[in-house]
Amino acid sequence: MSFGNMKPDIEYPCPWNYKLIGTDEAELKTAVAGLITEPHRLAPSNASKTGKYISLNLTVDVTDETHRDAVYNRLSGSPAIRMVM
């Protein structure tokens, strides 16, 4: 049995969590403020041992898969955000 093409069963609307990784917390927060117009919650997460990278947890209430993907794409396009998970 292959699970490669199976999508998770998600009931919308729901809160969706994104982990944002970057090198500067202030730049990450500024990027989120400029990109996310929806109500959201932003909280500190972790920092690398050397302090080079930090991560923040972003929670956005999404209405459907298209909305969820659109938020991801907006975040991924920011130079301040190195990675979105």
Protein backbone atom coordinates (compact mmCIF):
# COMPACT_ATOMS: atom_id res chain seq x y z
CA MET A 1 0.00 0.00 0.00
CA SER A 2 1.40 3.41 -0.97
CA PHE A 3 0.71 6.48 1.13
CA GLY A 4 2.64 8.85 -1.15
CA ASN A 5 -0.42 10.57 -2.64
CA MET A 6 -2.70 10.52 0.40
CA LYS A 7 -3.65 13.91 1.80
CA PRO A 8 -4.34 14.41 5.49
CA ASP A 9 -7.98 14.68 6.50
CA ILE A 10 -8.17 18.27 7.76
CA GLU A 11 -11.39 19.88 8.91
CA TYR A 12 -11.52 23.57 7.97
CA PRO A 13 -11.61 26.23 9.24
CA CYS A 14 -8.83 25.46 11.71
CA PRO A 15 -5.74 26.98 13.27
CA TRP A 16 -2.59 26.11 11.27
CA ASN A 17 0.91 26.29 12.68
CA TYR A 18 3.92 27.43 10.69
CA LYS A 19 7.47 27.38 12.05
CA LEU A 20 9.53 30.26 10.69
CA ILE A 21 13.32 30.13 10.69
CA GLY A 22 15.57 33.12 10.16
CA THR A 23 18.64 34.87 11.44
CA ASP A 24 17.07 37.94 13.07
CA GLU A 25 13.99 37.89 15.29
CA ALA A 26 13.08 41.52 14.59
CA GLU A 27 13.27 40.94 10.83
CA LEU A 28 11.07 37.83 11.15
CA LYS A 29 8.46 39.77 13.13
CA THR A 30 8.54 42.65 10.62
CA ALA A 31 8.11 40.21 7.73
CA VAL A 32 5.12 38.56 9.41
CA ALA A 33 3.54 41.95 10.14
CA GLY A 34 3.84 42.90 6.46
CA LEU A 35 2.68 39.58 5.03
CA ILE A 36 -0.02 38.27 7.33
CA THR A 37 -3.22 40.29 7.38
CA GLU A 38 -5.26 37.55 9.03
CA PRO A 39 -5.57 37.37 12.81
CA HIS A 40 -2.57 35.40 14.03
CA ARG A 41 -0.43 34.48 17.00
CA LEU A 42 3.35 34.69 16.94
CA ALA A 43 5.46 33.13 19.69
CA PRO A 44 9.17 32.50 20.23
CA SER A 45 10.33 28.95 19.62
CA ASN A 46 14.04 28.07 19.59
CA ALA A 47 17.49 29.39 18.80
CA SER A 48 20.43 27.44 17.46
CA LYS A 49 23.30 26.69 19.84
CA THR A 50 25.45 29.31 18.14
CA GLY A 51 22.60 31.83 17.98
CA LYS A 52 22.91 32.11 14.20
CA TYR A 53 19.31 30.96 13.60
CA ILE A 54 16.11 31.55 15.52
CA SER A 55 12.61 30.21 15.02
CA LEU A 56 9.16 31.54 15.74
CA ASN A 57 5.83 29.72 15.82
CA LEU A 58 3.09 31.38 13.79
CA THR A 59 -0.53 30.27 14.09
CA VAL A 60 -3.09 31.46 11.53
CA ASP A 61 -6.75 30.46 11.33
CA VAL A 62 -7.10 29.15 7.77
CA THR A 63 -10.38 28.63 5.96
CA ASP A 64 -9.33 25.93 3.47
CA GLU A 65 -6.34 24.30 1.77
CA THR A 66 -6.00 27.11 -0.75
CA HIS A 67 -5.83 29.68 2.04
CA ARG A 68 -3.32 27.54 3.98
CA ASP A 69 -1.08 27.23 0.89
CA ALA A 70 -1.38 30.96 0.12
CA VAL A 71 -0.14 31.87 3.60
CA TYR A 72 2.77 29.44 3.18
CA ASN A 73 3.67 30.95 -0.21
CA ARG A 74 3.57 34.50 1.14
CA LEU A 75 5.89 33.54 3.97
CA SER A 76 8.23 31.54 1.74
CA GLY A 77 8.72 34.52 -0.55
CA SER A 78 10.22 36.73 2.16
CA PRO A 79 14.00 37.15 2.19
CA ALA A 80 13.88 37.52 6.00
CA ILE A 81 12.42 34.03 6.35
CA ARG A 82 14.97 31.34 5.53
CA MET A 83 12.58 28.42 5.93
CA VAL A 84 8.89 27.77 6.57
CA MET A 85 7.82 24.45 8.02
